[in-house]
PDB file of all heavy atoms in Angstrom:
ATOM      1  N   PRO A   1     -27.090  -5.979  11.299  1.00  0.00           N
ATOM      2  CA  PRO A   1     -26.136  -5.012  11.828  1.00  0.00           C
ATOM      3  C   PRO A   1     -24.760  -5.622  12.094  1.00  0.00           C
ATOM      4  O   PRO A   1     -23.804  -4.907  12.310  1.00  0.00           O
ATOM      5  CB  PRO A   1     -26.779  -4.530  13.134  1.00  0.00           C
ATOM      6  CG  PRO A   1     -27.866  -5.491  13.436  1.00  0.00           C
ATOM      7  CD  PRO A   1     -28.217  -6.191  12.176  1.00  0.00           C
ATOM      8  N   GLN A   2     -24.664  -6.963  12.056  1.00  0.00           N
ATOM      9  CA  GLN A   2     -23.385  -7.612  12.324  1.00  0.00           C
ATOM     10  C   GLN A   2     -22.571  -7.869  11.057  1.00  0.00           C
ATOM     11  O   GLN A   2     -21.471  -8.383  11.139  1.00  0.00           O
ATOM     12  CB  GLN A   2     -23.616  -8.937  13.073  1.00  0.00           C
ATOM     13  CG  GLN A   2     -24.255  -8.749  14.424  1.00  0.00           C
ATOM     14  CD  GLN A   2     -23.420  -7.867  15.339  1.00  0.00           C
ATOM     15  OE1 GLN A   2     -22.216  -7.965  15.367  1.00  0.00           O
ATOM     16  NE2 GLN A   2     -24.085  -6.988  16.069  1.00  0.00           N
ATOM     17  N   THR A   3     -23.106  -7.565   9.883  1.00  0.00           N
ATOM     18  CA  THR A   3     -22.382  -7.802   8.638  1.00  0.00           C
ATOM     19  C   THR A   3     -22.102  -6.484   7.944  1.00  0.00           C
ATOM     20  O   THR A   3     -22.788  -5.489   8.147  1.00  0.00           O
ATOM     21  CB  THR A   3     -23.178  -8.715   7.692  1.00  0.00           C
ATOM     22  OG1 THR A   3     -24.410  -8.068   7.359  1.00  0.00           O
ATOM     23  CG2 THR A   3     -23.438 -10.066   8.313  1.00  0.00           C
ATOM     24  N   LEU A   4     -21.098  -6.507   7.115  1.00  0.00           N
ATOM     25  CA  LEU A   4     -20.702  -5.314   6.374  1.00  0.00           C
ATOM     26  C   LEU A   4     -20.680  -5.677   4.901  1.00  0.00           C
ATOM     27  O   LEU A   4     -20.045  -6.665   4.508  1.00  0.00           O
ATOM     28  CB  LEU A   4     -19.310  -4.860   6.845  1.00  0.00           C
ATOM     29  CG  LEU A   4     -18.765  -3.560   6.327  1.00  0.00           C
ATOM     30  CD1 LEU A   4     -19.687  -2.412   6.728  1.00  0.00           C
ATOM     31  CD2 LEU A   4     -17.384  -3.315   6.886  1.00  0.00           C
ATOM     32  N   SER A   5     -21.379  -4.912   4.083  1.00  0.00           N
ATOM     33  CA  SER A   5     -21.416  -5.204   2.656  1.00  0.00           C
ATOM     34  C   SER A   5     -20.041  -4.952   2.036  1.00  0.00           C
ATOM     35  O   SER A   5     -19.239  -4.177   2.550  1.00  0.00           O
ATOM     36  CB  SER A   5     -22.467  -4.335   1.966  1.00  0.00           C
ATOM     37  OG  SER A   5     -22.054  -2.985   1.948  1.00  0.00           O
ATOM     38  N   ALA A   6     -19.802  -5.613   0.929  1.00  0.00           N
ATOM     39  CA  ALA A   6     -18.520  -5.453   0.239  1.00  0.00           C
ATOM     40  C   ALA A   6     -18.284  -4.003  -0.195  1.00  0.00           C
ATOM     41  O   ALA A   6     -17.182  -3.478  -0.008  1.00  0.00           O
ATOM     42  CB  ALA A   6     -18.439  -6.406  -0.949  1.00  0.00           C
ATOM     43  N   PRO A   7     -19.292  -3.312  -0.760  1.00  0.00           N
ATOM     44  CA  PRO A   7     -19.045  -1.905  -1.127  1.00  0.00           C
ATOM     45  C   PRO A   7     -18.708  -1.028   0.083  1.00  0.00           C
ATOM     46  O   PRO A   7     -17.823  -0.176   0.001  1.00  0.00           O
ATOM     47  CB  PRO A   7     -20.361  -1.462  -1.774  1.00  0.00           C
ATOM     48  CG  PRO A   7     -20.986  -2.707  -2.264  1.00  0.00           C
ATOM     49  CD  PRO A   7     -20.592  -3.764  -1.275  1.00  0.00           C
ATOM     50  N   ALA A   8     -19.386  -1.262   1.204  1.00  0.00           N
ATOM     51  CA  ALA A   8     -19.091  -0.473   2.411  1.00  0.00           C
ATOM     52  C   ALA A   8     -17.683  -0.779   2.916  1.00  0.00           C
ATOM     53  O   ALA A   8     -16.952   0.121   3.341  1.00  0.00           O
ATOM     54  CB  ALA A   8     -20.122  -0.754   3.499  1.00  0.00           C
ATOM     55  N   ARG A   9     -17.297  -2.046   2.871  1.00  0.00           N
ATOM     56  CA  ARG A   9     -15.959  -2.435   3.316  1.00  0.00           C
ATOM     57  C   ARG A   9     -14.893  -1.777   2.448  1.00  0.00           C
ATOM     58  O   ARG A   9     -13.937  -1.194   2.965  1.00  0.00           O
ATOM     59  CB  ARG A   9     -15.813  -3.954   3.287  1.00  0.00           C
ATOM     60  CG  ARG A   9     -14.496  -4.424   3.862  1.00  0.00           C
ATOM     61  CD  ARG A   9     -14.325  -5.942   3.889  1.00  0.00           C
ATOM     62  NE  ARG A   9     -15.517  -6.668   4.289  1.00  0.00           N
ATOM     63  CZ  ARG A   9     -16.272  -7.411   3.457  1.00  0.00           C
ATOM     64  NH1 ARG A   9     -15.934  -7.526   2.191  1.00  0.00           N
ATOM     65  NH2 ARG A   9     -17.333  -8.049   3.900  1.00  0.00           N
ATOM     66  N   TRP A  10     -15.060  -1.833   1.133  1.00  0.00           N
ATOM     67  CA  TRP A  10     -14.055  -1.233   0.245  1.00  0.00           C
ATOM     68  C   TRP A  10     -14.041   0.289   0.360  1.00  0.00           C
ATOM     69  O   TRP A  10     -12.984   0.913   0.287  1.00  0.00           O
ATOM     70  CB  TRP A  10     -14.284  -1.683  -1.195  1.00  0.00           C
ATOM     71  CG  TRP A  10     -13.718  -3.047  -1.398  1.00  0.00           C
ATOM     72  CD1 TRP A  10     -14.403  -4.220  -1.474  1.00  0.00           C
ATOM     73  CD2 TRP A  10     -12.334  -3.383  -1.482  1.00  0.00           C
ATOM     74  NE1 TRP A  10     -13.527  -5.270  -1.612  1.00  0.00           N
ATOM     75  CE2 TRP A  10     -12.254  -4.784  -1.622  1.00  0.00           C
ATOM     76  CE3 TRP A  10     -11.161  -2.650  -1.459  1.00  0.00           C
ATOM     77  CZ2 TRP A  10     -11.038  -5.452  -1.738  1.00  0.00           C
ATOM     78  CZ3 TRP A  10      -9.944  -3.312  -1.572  1.00  0.00           C
ATOM     79  CH2 TRP A  10      -9.898  -4.698  -1.702  1.00  0.00           C
ATOM     80  N   THR A  11     -15.204   0.885   0.545  1.00  0.00           N
ATOM     81  CA  THR A  11     -15.250   2.329   0.765  1.00  0.00           C
ATOM     82  C   THR A  11     -14.484   2.691   2.027  1.00  0.00           C
ATOM     83  O   THR A  11     -13.726   3.667   2.050  1.00  0.00           O
ATOM     84  CB  THR A  11     -16.710   2.811   0.860  1.00  0.00           C
ATOM     85  OG1 THR A  11     -17.385   2.477  -0.350  1.00  0.00           O
ATOM     86  CG2 THR A  11     -16.783   4.308   1.092  1.00  0.00           C
ATOM     87  N   SER A  12     -14.654   1.889   3.073  1.00  0.00           N
ATOM     88  CA  SER A  12     -13.938   2.165   4.323  1.00  0.00           C
ATOM     89  C   SER A  12     -12.441   2.028   4.138  1.00  0.00           C
ATOM     90  O   SER A  12     -11.665   2.818   4.678  1.00  0.00           O
ATOM     91  CB  SER A  12     -14.427   1.236   5.440  1.00  0.00           C
ATOM     92  OG  SER A  12     -13.896  -0.068   5.307  1.00  0.00           O
ATOM     93  N   TYR A  13     -12.010   1.018   3.363  1.00  0.00           N
ATOM     94  CA  TYR A  13     -10.570   0.846   3.122  1.00  0.00           C
ATOM     95  C   TYR A  13      -9.994   2.026   2.359  1.00  0.00           C
ATOM     96  O   TYR A  13      -8.906   2.519   2.679  1.00  0.00           O
ATOM     97  CB  TYR A  13     -10.301  -0.445   2.339  1.00  0.00           C
ATOM     98  CG  TYR A  13     -10.592  -1.717   3.093  1.00  0.00           C
ATOM     99  CD1 TYR A  13     -10.877  -2.888   2.404  1.00  0.00           C
ATOM    100  CD2 TYR A  13     -10.590  -1.775   4.480  1.00  0.00           C
ATOM    101  CE1 TYR A  13     -11.148  -4.073   3.067  1.00  0.00           C
ATOM    102  CE2 TYR A  13     -10.861  -2.958   5.158  1.00  0.00           C
ATOM    103  CZ  TYR A  13     -11.127  -4.095   4.444  1.00  0.00           C
ATOM    104  OH  TYR A  13     -11.385  -5.267   5.104  1.00  0.00           O
ATOM    105  N   ILE A  14     -10.707   2.490   1.352  1.00  0.00           N
ATOM    106  CA  ILE A  14     -10.223   3.621   0.544  1.00  0.00           C
ATOM    107  C   ILE A  14     -10.185   4.895   1.381  1.00  0.00           C
ATOM    108  O   ILE A  14      -9.205   5.645   1.350  1.00  0.00           O
ATOM    109  CB  ILE A  14     -11.089   3.795  -0.720  1.00  0.00           C
ATOM    110  CG1 ILE A  14     -10.876   2.593  -1.659  1.00  0.00           C
ATOM    111  CG2 ILE A  14     -10.769   5.106  -1.429  1.00  0.00           C
ATOM    112  CD1 ILE A  14     -11.899   2.488  -2.771  1.00  0.00           C
ATOM    113  N   MET A  15     -11.260   5.130   2.143  1.00  0.00           N
ATOM    114  CA  MET A  15     -11.293   6.329   2.993  1.00  0.00           C
ATOM    115  C   MET A  15     -10.146   6.320   4.002  1.00  0.00           C
ATOM    116  O   MET A  15      -9.524   7.350   4.255  1.00  0.00           O
ATOM    117  CB  MET A  15     -12.631   6.422   3.734  1.00  0.00           C
ATOM    118  CG  MET A  15     -13.796   6.776   2.854  1.00  0.00           C
ATOM    119  SD  MET A  15     -15.377   6.711   3.737  1.00  0.00           S
ATOM    120  CE  MET A  15     -15.223   8.134   4.812  1.00  0.00           C
ATOM    121  N   SER A  16      -9.863   5.166   4.575  1.00  0.00           N
ATOM    122  CA  SER A  16      -8.797   5.058   5.568  1.00  0.00           C
ATOM    123  C   SER A  16      -7.415   5.136   4.944  1.00  0.00           C
ATOM    124  O   SER A  16      -6.472   5.633   5.560  1.00  0.00           O
ATOM    125  CB  SER A  16      -8.933   3.741   6.335  1.00  0.00           C
ATOM    126  OG  SER A  16     -10.127   3.720   7.064  1.00  0.00           O
ATOM    127  N   ALA A  17      -7.281   4.625   3.727  1.00  0.00           N
ATOM    128  CA  ALA A  17      -5.971   4.579   3.083  1.00  0.00           C
ATOM    129  C   ALA A  17      -5.440   5.965   2.737  1.00  0.00           C
ATOM    130  O   ALA A  17      -4.225   6.177   2.762  1.00  0.00           O
ATOM    131  CB  ALA A  17      -6.043   3.724   1.815  1.00  0.00           C
ATOM    132  N   ILE A  18      -6.317   6.889   2.449  1.00  0.00           N
ATOM    133  CA  ILE A  18      -5.862   8.215   2.011  1.00  0.00           C
ATOM    134  C   ILE A  18      -5.068   8.936   3.103  1.00  0.00           C
ATOM    135  O   ILE A  18      -3.906   9.313   2.877  1.00  0.00           O
ATOM    136  CB  ILE A  18      -7.042   9.058   1.484  1.00  0.00           C
ATOM    137  CG1 ILE A  18      -7.591   8.415   0.202  1.00  0.00           C
ATOM    138  CG2 ILE A  18      -6.624  10.504   1.235  1.00  0.00           C
ATOM    139  CD1 ILE A  18      -8.911   8.983  -0.270  1.00  0.00           C
ATOM    140  N   PRO A  19      -5.597   9.142   4.307  1.00  0.00           N
ATOM    141  CA  PRO A  19      -4.782   9.824   5.320  1.00  0.00           C
ATOM    142  C   PRO A  19      -3.567   9.015   5.755  1.00  0.00           C
ATOM    143  O   PRO A  19      -2.488   9.575   5.983  1.00  0.00           O
ATOM    144  CB  PRO A  19      -5.746  10.051   6.492  1.00  0.00           C
ATOM    145  CG  PRO A  19      -6.906   9.184   6.246  1.00  0.00           C
ATOM    146  CD  PRO A  19      -6.955   8.887   4.792  1.00  0.00           C
ATOM    147  N   VAL A  20      -3.716   7.689   5.824  1.00  0.00           N
ATOM    148  CA  VAL A  20      -2.587   6.853   6.237  1.00  0.00           C
ATOM    149  C   VAL A  20      -1.459   6.923   5.206  1.00  0.00           C
ATOM    150  O   VAL A  20      -0.296   7.073   5.562  1.00  0.00           O
ATOM    151  CB  VAL A  20      -3.051   5.396   6.475  1.00  0.00           C
ATOM    152  CG1 VAL A  20      -1.876   4.453   6.599  1.00  0.00           C
ATOM    153  CG2 VAL A  20      -3.914   5.327   7.719  1.00  0.00           C
ATOM    154  N   ALA A  21      -1.804   6.829   3.938  1.00  0.00           N
ATOM    155  CA  ALA A  21      -0.782   6.894   2.892  1.00  0.00           C
ATOM    156  C   ALA A  21      -0.065   8.244   2.916  1.00  0.00           C
ATOM    157  O   ALA A  21       1.173   8.298   2.791  1.00  0.00           O
ATOM    158  CB  ALA A  21      -1.413   6.655   1.521  1.00  0.00           C
ATOM    159  N   LEU A  22      -0.807   9.317   3.091  1.00  0.00           N
ATOM    160  CA  LEU A  22      -0.174  10.632   3.141  1.00  0.00           C
ATOM    161  C   LEU A  22       0.759  10.758   4.343  1.00  0.00           C
ATOM    162  O   LEU A  22       1.851  11.337   4.235  1.00  0.00           O
ATOM    163  CB  LEU A  22      -1.234  11.728   3.151  1.00  0.00           C
ATOM    164  CG  LEU A  22      -1.991  11.898   1.840  1.00  0.00           C
ATOM    165  CD1 LEU A  22      -3.143  12.866   2.002  1.00  0.00           C
ATOM    166  CD2 LEU A  22      -1.069  12.349   0.730  1.00  0.00           C
ATOM    167  N   MET A  23       0.369  10.205   5.475  1.00  0.00           N
ATOM    168  CA  MET A  23       1.227  10.249   6.660  1.00  0.00           C
ATOM    169  C   MET A  23       2.502   9.432   6.443  1.00  0.00           C
ATOM    170  O   MET A  23       3.597   9.870   6.801  1.00  0.00           O
ATOM    171  CB  MET A  23       0.469   9.740   7.887  1.00  0.00           C
ATOM    172  CG  MET A  23      -0.642  10.665   8.334  1.00  0.00           C
ATOM    173  SD  MET A  23      -1.596   9.988   9.703  1.00  0.00           S
ATOM    174  CE  MET A  23      -0.496  10.349  11.062  1.00  0.00           C
ATOM    175  N   ILE A  24       2.356   8.257   5.852  1.00  0.00           N
ATOM    176  CA  ILE A  24       3.513   7.400   5.617  1.00  0.00           C
ATOM    177  C   ILE A  24       4.448   8.034   4.600  1.00  0.00           C
ATOM    178  O   ILE A  24       5.671   8.076   4.809  1.00  0.00           O
ATOM    179  CB  ILE A  24       3.063   5.986   5.195  1.00  0.00           C
ATOM    180  CG1 ILE A  24       2.407   5.283   6.380  1.00  0.00           C
ATOM    181  CG2 ILE A  24       4.239   5.177   4.655  1.00  0.00           C
ATOM    182  CD1 ILE A  24       1.734   3.967   6.037  1.00  0.00           C
ATOM    183  N   PHE A  25       3.918   8.559   3.505  1.00  0.00           N
ATOM    184  CA  PHE A  25       4.770   9.197   2.495  1.00  0.00           C
ATOM    185  C   PHE A  25       5.475  10.427   3.056  1.00  0.00           C
ATOM    186  O   PHE A  25       6.638  10.679   2.759  1.00  0.00           O
ATOM    187  CB  PHE A  25       3.967   9.561   1.247  1.00  0.00           C
ATOM    188  CG  PHE A  25       3.528   8.381   0.437  1.00  0.00           C
ATOM    189  CD1 PHE A  25       2.248   8.331  -0.093  1.00  0.00           C
ATOM    190  CD2 PHE A  25       4.367   7.301   0.209  1.00  0.00           C
ATOM    191  CE1 PHE A  25       1.824   7.241  -0.831  1.00  0.00           C
ATOM    192  CE2 PHE A  25       3.961   6.205  -0.531  1.00  0.00           C
ATOM    193  CZ  PHE A  25       2.685   6.177  -1.057  1.00  0.00           C
ATOM    194  N   SER A  26       4.778  11.190   3.872  1.00  0.00           N
ATOM    195  CA  SER A  26       5.387  12.360   4.495  1.00  0.00           C
ATOM    196  C   SER A  26       6.516  11.947   5.433  1.00  0.00           C
ATOM    197  O   SER A  26       7.595  12.549   5.429  1.00  0.00           O
ATOM    198  CB  SER A  26       4.328  13.153   5.259  1.00  0.00           C
ATOM    199  OG  SER A  26       4.907  14.200   5.984  1.00  0.00           O
ATOM    200  N   ALA A  27       6.281  10.914   6.237  1.00  0.00           N
ATOM    201  CA  ALA A  27       7.312  10.439   7.169  1.00  0.00           C
ATOM    202  C   ALA A  27       8.531   9.925   6.408  1.00  0.00           C
ATOM    203  O   ALA A  27       9.674  10.235   6.772  1.00  0.00           O
ATOM    204  CB  ALA A  27       6.740   9.343   8.065  1.00  0.00           C
ATOM    205  N   ILE A  28       8.293   9.167   5.349  1.00  0.00           N
ATOM    206  CA  ILE A  28       9.417   8.664   4.548  1.00  0.00           C
ATOM    207  C   ILE A  28      10.198   9.830   3.953  1.00  0.00           C
ATOM    208  O   ILE A  28      11.431   9.831   3.945  1.00  0.00           O
ATOM    209  CB  ILE A  28       8.910   7.705   3.454  1.00  0.00           C
ATOM    210  CG1 ILE A  28       8.416   6.406   4.098  1.00  0.00           C
ATOM    211  CG2 ILE A  28       9.997   7.420   2.423  1.00  0.00           C
ATOM    212  CD1 ILE A  28       7.686   5.476   3.145  1.00  0.00           C
ATOM    213  N   GLY A  29       9.484  10.839   3.459  1.00  0.00           N
ATOM    214  CA  GLY A  29      10.150  12.018   2.912  1.00  0.00           C
ATOM    215  C   GLY A  29      11.016  12.728   3.933  1.00  0.00           C
ATOM    216  O   GLY A  29      12.116  13.195   3.637  1.00  0.00           O
ATOM    217  N   MET A  30      10.526  12.803   5.171  1.00  0.00           N
ATOM    218  CA  MET A  30      11.321  13.440   6.226  1.00  0.00           C
ATOM    219  C   MET A  30      12.544  12.599   6.575  1.00  0.00           C
ATOM    220  O   MET A  30      13.630  13.135   6.777  1.00  0.00           O
ATOM    221  CB  MET A  30      10.464  13.656   7.469  1.00  0.00           C
ATOM    222  CG  MET A  30       9.480  14.788   7.333  1.00  0.00           C
ATOM    223  SD  MET A  30       8.636  15.077   8.885  1.00  0.00           S
ATOM    224  CE  MET A  30       7.033  15.530   8.281  1.00  0.00           C
ATOM    225  N   PHE A  31      12.369  11.285   6.646  1.00  0.00           N
ATOM    226  CA  PHE A  31      13.506  10.416   6.956  1.00  0.00           C
ATOM    227  C   PHE A  31      14.550  10.432   5.845  1.00  0.00           C
ATOM    228  O   PHE A  31      15.749  10.375   6.117  1.00  0.00           O
ATOM    229  CB  PHE A  31      13.048   8.974   7.199  1.00  0.00           C
ATOM    230  CG  PHE A  31      12.412   8.749   8.539  1.00  0.00           C
ATOM    231  CD1 PHE A  31      11.227   8.039   8.642  1.00  0.00           C
ATOM    232  CD2 PHE A  31      12.984   9.236   9.703  1.00  0.00           C
ATOM    233  CE1 PHE A  31      10.634   7.814   9.875  1.00  0.00           C
ATOM    234  CE2 PHE A  31      12.399   9.024  10.944  1.00  0.00           C
ATOM    235  CZ  PHE A  31      11.221   8.309  11.020  1.00  0.00           C
ATOM    236  N   ARG A  32      14.103  10.518   4.605  1.00  0.00           N
ATOM    237  CA  ARG A  32      15.031  10.521   3.470  1.00  0.00           C
ATOM    238  C   ARG A  32      15.645  11.894   3.217  1.00  0.00           C
ATOM    239  O   ARG A  32      16.553  12.007   2.411  1.00  0.00           O
ATOM    240  CB  ARG A  32      14.322  10.042   2.214  1.00  0.00           C
ATOM    241  CG  ARG A  32      13.854   8.612   2.308  1.00  0.00           C
ATOM    242  CD  ARG A  32      13.174   8.186   1.065  1.00  0.00           C
ATOM    243  NE  ARG A  32      14.075   7.275   0.369  1.00  0.00           N
ATOM    244  CZ  ARG A  32      13.974   6.956  -0.884  1.00  0.00           C
ATOM    245  NH1 ARG A  32      13.031   7.492  -1.624  1.00  0.00           N
ATOM    246  NH2 ARG A  32      14.800   6.102  -1.430  1.00  0.00           N
ATOM    247  N   GLY A  33      15.139  12.904   3.852  1.00  0.00           N
ATOM    248  CA  GLY A  33      15.688  14.241   3.681  1.00  0.00           C
ATOM    249  C   GLY A  33      15.229  14.938   2.413  1.00  0.00           C
ATOM    250  O   GLY A  33      16.007  15.663   1.789  1.00  0.00           O
ATOM    251  N   SER A  34      13.972  14.755   2.049  1.00  0.00           N
ATOM    252  CA  SER A  34      13.407  15.425   0.870  1.00  0.00           C
ATOM    253  C   SER A  34      13.524  16.939   1.053  1.00  0.00           C
ATOM    254  O   SER A  34      12.941  17.512   1.975  1.00  0.00           O
ATOM    255  CB  SER A  34      11.940  15.021   0.707  1.00  0.00           C
ATOM    256  OG  SER A  34      11.288  15.863  -0.218  1.00  0.00           O
ATOM    257  N   GLN A  35      14.281  17.568   0.166  1.00  0.00           N
ATOM    258  CA  GLN A  35      14.536  19.000   0.306  1.00  0.00           C
ATOM    259  C   GLN A  35      13.264  19.832   0.205  1.00  0.00           C
ATOM    260  O   GLN A  35      13.105  20.813   0.936  1.00  0.00           O
ATOM    261  CB  GLN A  35      15.573  19.461  -0.729  1.00  0.00           C
ATOM    262  CG  GLN A  35      16.973  18.966  -0.437  1.00  0.00           C
ATOM    263  CD  GLN A  35      17.429  19.345   0.971  1.00  0.00           C
ATOM    264  OE1 GLN A  35      17.338  20.494   1.391  1.00  0.00           O
ATOM    265  NE2 GLN A  35      17.894  18.353   1.723  1.00  0.00           N
ATOM    266  N   SER A  36      12.357  19.461  -0.683  1.00  0.00           N
ATOM    267  CA  SER A  36      11.120  20.243  -0.804  1.00  0.00           C
ATOM    268  C   SER A  36      10.278  20.133   0.462  1.00  0.00           C
ATOM    269  O   SER A  36       9.707  21.118   0.917  1.00  0.00           O
ATOM    270  CB  SER A  36      10.319  19.801  -2.031  1.00  0.00           C
ATOM    271  OG  SER A  36       9.964  18.444  -1.930  1.00  0.00           O
ATOM    272  N   LEU A  37      10.220  18.935   1.043  1.00  0.00           N
ATOM    273  CA  LEU A  37       9.460  18.751   2.278  1.00  0.00           C
ATOM    274  C   LEU A  37      10.137  19.464   3.444  1.00  0.00           C
ATOM    275  O   LEU A  37       9.472  20.128   4.245  1.00  0.00           O
ATOM    276  CB  LEU A  37       9.302  17.258   2.580  1.00  0.00           C
ATOM    277  CG  LEU A  37       8.441  16.889   3.775  1.00  0.00           C
ATOM    278  CD1 LEU A  37       7.039  17.459   3.633  1.00  0.00           C
ATOM    279  CD2 LEU A  37       8.386  15.387   3.930  1.00  0.00           C
ATOM    280  N   ILE A  38      11.436  19.357   3.533  1.00  0.00           N
ATOM    281  CA  ILE A  38      12.171  20.037   4.608  1.00  0.00           C
ATOM    282  C   ILE A  38      12.008  21.547   4.481  1.00  0.00           C
ATOM    283  O   ILE A  38      11.804  22.249   5.471  1.00  0.00           O
ATOM    284  CB  ILE A  38      13.655  19.621   4.596  1.00  0.00           C
ATOM    285  CG1 ILE A  38      13.774  18.159   5.053  1.00  0.00           C
ATOM    286  CG2 ILE A  38      14.493  20.532   5.481  1.00  0.00           C
ATOM    287  CD1 ILE A  38      15.155  17.583   4.896  1.00  0.00           C
ATOM    288  N   GLN A  39      12.085  22.056   3.257  1.00  0.00           N
ATOM    289  CA  GLN A  39      11.910  23.494   3.040  1.00  0.00           C
ATOM    290  C   GLN A  39      10.495  23.932   3.443  1.00  0.00           C
ATOM    291  O   GLN A  39      10.323  24.962   4.095  1.00  0.00           O
ATOM    292  CB  GLN A  39      12.175  23.835   1.580  1.00  0.00           C
ATOM    293  CG  GLN A  39      12.147  25.311   1.287  1.00  0.00           C
ATOM    294  CD  GLN A  39      12.504  25.603  -0.155  1.00  0.00           C
ATOM    295  OE1 GLN A  39      12.478  24.726  -1.014  1.00  0.00           O
ATOM    296  NE2 GLN A  39      12.844  26.846  -0.420  1.00  0.00           N
ATOM    297  N   LEU A  40       9.482  23.149   3.069  1.00  0.00           N
ATOM    298  CA  LEU A  40       8.105  23.478   3.451  1.00  0.00           C
ATOM    299  C   LEU A  40       7.964  23.504   4.968  1.00  0.00           C
ATOM    300  O   LEU A  40       7.406  24.447   5.534  1.00  0.00           O
ATOM    301  CB  LEU A  40       7.127  22.454   2.860  1.00  0.00           C
ATOM    302  CG  LEU A  40       5.694  22.536   3.387  1.00  0.00           C
ATOM    303  CD1 LEU A  40       4.983  23.744   2.788  1.00  0.00           C
ATOM    304  CD2 LEU A  40       4.948  21.263   3.109  1.00  0.00           C
TER     305      LEU A  40
END
C-alpha cells in the first residue's frame, strides 16, 4: 500500500493535467484578452 505502480502514477498525472491545463489556458486567455473567451 506504500508504493504506486508506474501505470497508476502516469494515469494520475494525466487525469490531473486535464483540468489544470484547461484552467491555465483559460486564465492566460483572459489575461491576454482573447475576444472569443471574453465574448463567451
